[in-house]
Protein backbone atom coordinates (compact mmCIF):
# COMPACT_ATOMS: atom_id res chain seq x y z
CA MET A 1 -9.99 -7.67 24.07
CA SER A 2 -9.50 -5.11 21.20
CA VAL A 3 -7.98 -6.00 17.75
CA ASN A 4 -7.01 -2.82 15.18
CA LYS A 5 -6.35 -4.97 11.61
CA VAL A 6 -6.72 -4.27 8.41
CA ILE A 7 -5.68 -6.22 5.18
CA LEU A 8 -5.75 -4.84 1.77
CA VAL A 9 -5.33 -6.53 -1.90
CA GLY A 10 -5.34 -3.76 -4.35
CA ASN A 11 -4.02 -2.19 -6.78
CA VAL A 12 -1.28 1.26 -6.67
CA GLY A 13 -2.78 4.34 -7.79
CA ALA A 14 0.55 5.98 -8.27
CA ASP A 15 3.91 5.83 -7.99
CA PRO A 16 4.63 5.84 -3.96
CA GLU A 17 5.78 9.20 -2.70
CA VAL A 18 8.86 8.84 -0.44
CA ARG A 19 10.66 11.43 2.05
CA TYR A 20 12.89 11.29 5.19
CA ILE A 21 12.55 12.62 8.62
CA GLU A 22 14.45 13.35 11.18
CA SER A 23 17.27 11.02 11.77
CA ASN A 24 17.03 10.02 7.96
CA THR A 25 13.47 8.03 9.06
CA PRO A 26 12.19 6.75 5.70
CA VAL A 27 8.45 7.05 5.81
CA CYS A 28 6.31 6.34 2.19
CA ASN A 29 2.99 7.43 1.40
CA LEU A 30 0.48 5.01 -1.07
CA ARG A 31 -3.17 5.34 -2.41
CA ILE A 32 -4.06 1.64 -3.06
CA ALA A 33 -7.79 1.09 -4.91
CA THR A 34 -9.68 -1.97 -3.97
CA SER A 35 -12.51 -2.68 -5.73
CA GLU A 36 -15.91 -5.06 -5.81
CA SER A 37 -18.12 -5.95 -8.18
CA TYR A 38 -21.96 -7.09 -7.81
CA LYS A 39 -24.96 -7.06 -10.11
CA ASN A 40 -27.61 -4.44 -9.27
CA ARG A 41 -31.92 -5.65 -9.33
CA SER A 42 -31.30 -4.85 -12.46
CA GLY A 43 -28.76 -7.25 -13.00
CA GLU A 44 -26.44 -4.66 -14.39
CA LYS A 45 -22.96 -4.80 -13.06
CA VAL A 46 -22.00 -2.68 -10.59
CA THR A 47 -18.26 -1.85 -9.38
CA THR A 48 -17.05 0.08 -6.29
CA THR A 49 -13.66 1.60 -6.19
CA GLU A 50 -12.30 2.76 -2.06
CA TRP A 51 -9.24 4.57 -2.15
CA HIS A 52 -7.29 4.05 0.61
CA THR A 53 -3.98 5.96 2.22
CA VAL A 54 -1.29 3.16 3.31
CA VAL A 55 1.58 4.74 5.33
CA LEU A 56 5.27 2.96 5.58
CA TRP A 57 7.52 3.10 7.60
CA ARG A 58 11.73 2.32 7.53
CA GLY A 59 12.16 -0.78 5.68
CA LEU A 60 8.84 -0.69 4.37
CA ALA A 61 9.25 2.57 2.31
CA GLU A 62 12.38 1.62 1.11
CA ILE A 63 10.88 -1.65 -0.32
CA ALA A 64 8.33 0.35 -2.00
CA GLU A 65 10.75 3.52 -2.79
CA LYS A 66 12.79 0.12 -4.84
CA TYR A 67 10.37 -1.57 -6.40
CA VAL A 68 6.37 -0.45 -5.81
CA LYS A 69 5.21 1.20 -9.26
CA LYS A 70 1.65 2.40 -10.32
CA GLY A 71 -0.47 -0.07 -11.31
CA MET A 72 1.49 -3.07 -9.05
CA GLN A 73 -1.18 -4.99 -7.03
CA LEU A 74 0.00 -4.89 -2.97
CA TYR A 75 -1.04 -7.40 -0.08
CA ILE A 76 -0.66 -4.82 2.51
CA GLU A 77 -1.96 -5.95 6.77
CA GLY A 78 -1.26 -3.39 9.16
CA LYS A 79 -4.00 -0.76 11.39
CA ILE A 80 -6.23 1.60 10.60
CA ARG A 81 -5.19 5.19 12.25
CA THR A 82 -7.07 8.36 12.43
CA ARG A 83 -5.34 11.43 12.90
CA SER A 84 -6.39 15.20 12.98
CA TRP A 85 -4.82 18.36 12.49
CA ASP A 86 -5.96 22.07 12.45
CA ASP A 87 -5.75 23.67 9.12
CA LYS A 88 -4.39 27.07 7.74
CA ASP A 89 -8.66 28.28 8.80
CA GLY A 90 -8.79 26.85 12.41
CA ASN A 91 -10.80 24.11 10.95
CA LYS A 92 -10.54 20.51 12.24
CA ARG A 93 -9.23 18.40 9.56
CA TYR A 94 -9.10 14.35 9.68
CA ALA A 95 -7.28 12.24 7.86
CA THR A 96 -7.99 7.86 8.02
CA GLU A 97 -5.01 6.22 6.74
CA ILE A 98 -3.26 2.96 7.03
CA ILE A 99 0.03 1.96 8.93
CA ALA A 100 1.51 -0.98 7.28
CA ASP A 101 3.58 -3.12 9.01
CA VAL A 102 3.73 -6.05 6.13
CA LEU A 103 3.68 -5.42 2.79
CA GLN A 104 3.71 -8.21 -0.69
CA LEU A 105 4.23 -7.59 -4.14
CA LEU A 106 1.65 -9.59 -6.05
CA GLY A 107 2.37 -10.47 -9.51
CA LYS A 108 4.58 -8.47 -12.24
CA ARG A 109 4.00 -4.62 -13.97
CA GLU A 110 4.66 -4.71 -17.45
CA GLY A 111 8.06 -2.74 -17.65
CA ALA A 112 9.17 -2.89 -14.18
CA GLU A 113 12.20 -4.31 -13.21
CA PRO A 114 12.18 -7.26 -11.11
CA PRO A 115 14.08 -7.83 -8.15
CA ARG A 116 17.79 -8.93 -8.05
CA GLN A 117 18.91 -12.25 -7.04
CA ASP A 118 20.89 -10.60 -4.24
CA ASP A 119 18.69 -8.34 -3.02
CA GLY A 120 16.73 -11.21 -1.35
CA PRO A 121 14.27 -10.60 1.44
CA GLN A 122 14.61 -7.77 3.51
CA THR A 123 13.09 -7.18 7.39
CA ASP A 124 12.92 -3.89 8.82
CA LYS A 125 14.24 -3.98 12.35
CA GLN A 126 10.71 -2.39 13.83
CA ASN A 127 8.35 -5.15 14.13
CA GLU A 128 8.26 -5.61 10.72
CA LYS A 129 8.12 -8.60 8.63
CA THR A 130 10.47 -10.11 5.93
CA VAL A 131 9.20 -8.86 3.02
CA ILE A 132 9.83 -11.37 -0.60
CA PRO A 133 9.03 -9.88 -3.45
CA GLU A 134 7.15 -12.11 -5.93
CA SER A 135 7.86 -11.55 -9.37
CA ASP A 136 7.49 -14.87 -10.54
CA GLN A 137 3.53 -15.01 -10.55
CA GLU A 138 1.20 -13.64 -13.47
CA PRO A 139 -0.51 -10.53 -13.24
CA ASP A 140 -4.02 -10.34 -12.78
CA ASP A 141 -6.56 -7.94 -14.54
CA LEU A 142 -5.77 -4.46 -13.44
CA PRO A 143 -9.39 -2.40 -13.04
CA PHE A 144 -7.25 1.18 -14.46
């Protein structure tokens, strides 16, 4: 048995990029920052930040397009995928991405418009879980 599961809680680095591919299917790319702090041997606080590329499809892409903005904190669940291609010079290139099947908005962002009450929870038909925007929580301190 093998498991490919990723859980991230991080902050959005830029507004989502949504495009529509064949049959008008939405796909969204996000960059999420996760940070970890610790004290080194000298007792100084050190913070390291990892950047993750997250890909959302169909209903989750539409939700991201509608609600997600730079600086927001998100909970993401999905699987890790590495893909490869040959660039224009014939060099092998690689990209590691998180393919999300759960997206949850955490807290609120200053100036962001909260979802309307009539929007309700949204579910994608392709095994993506229900997402309920949590616009009533207080925001945490953002690292940027």
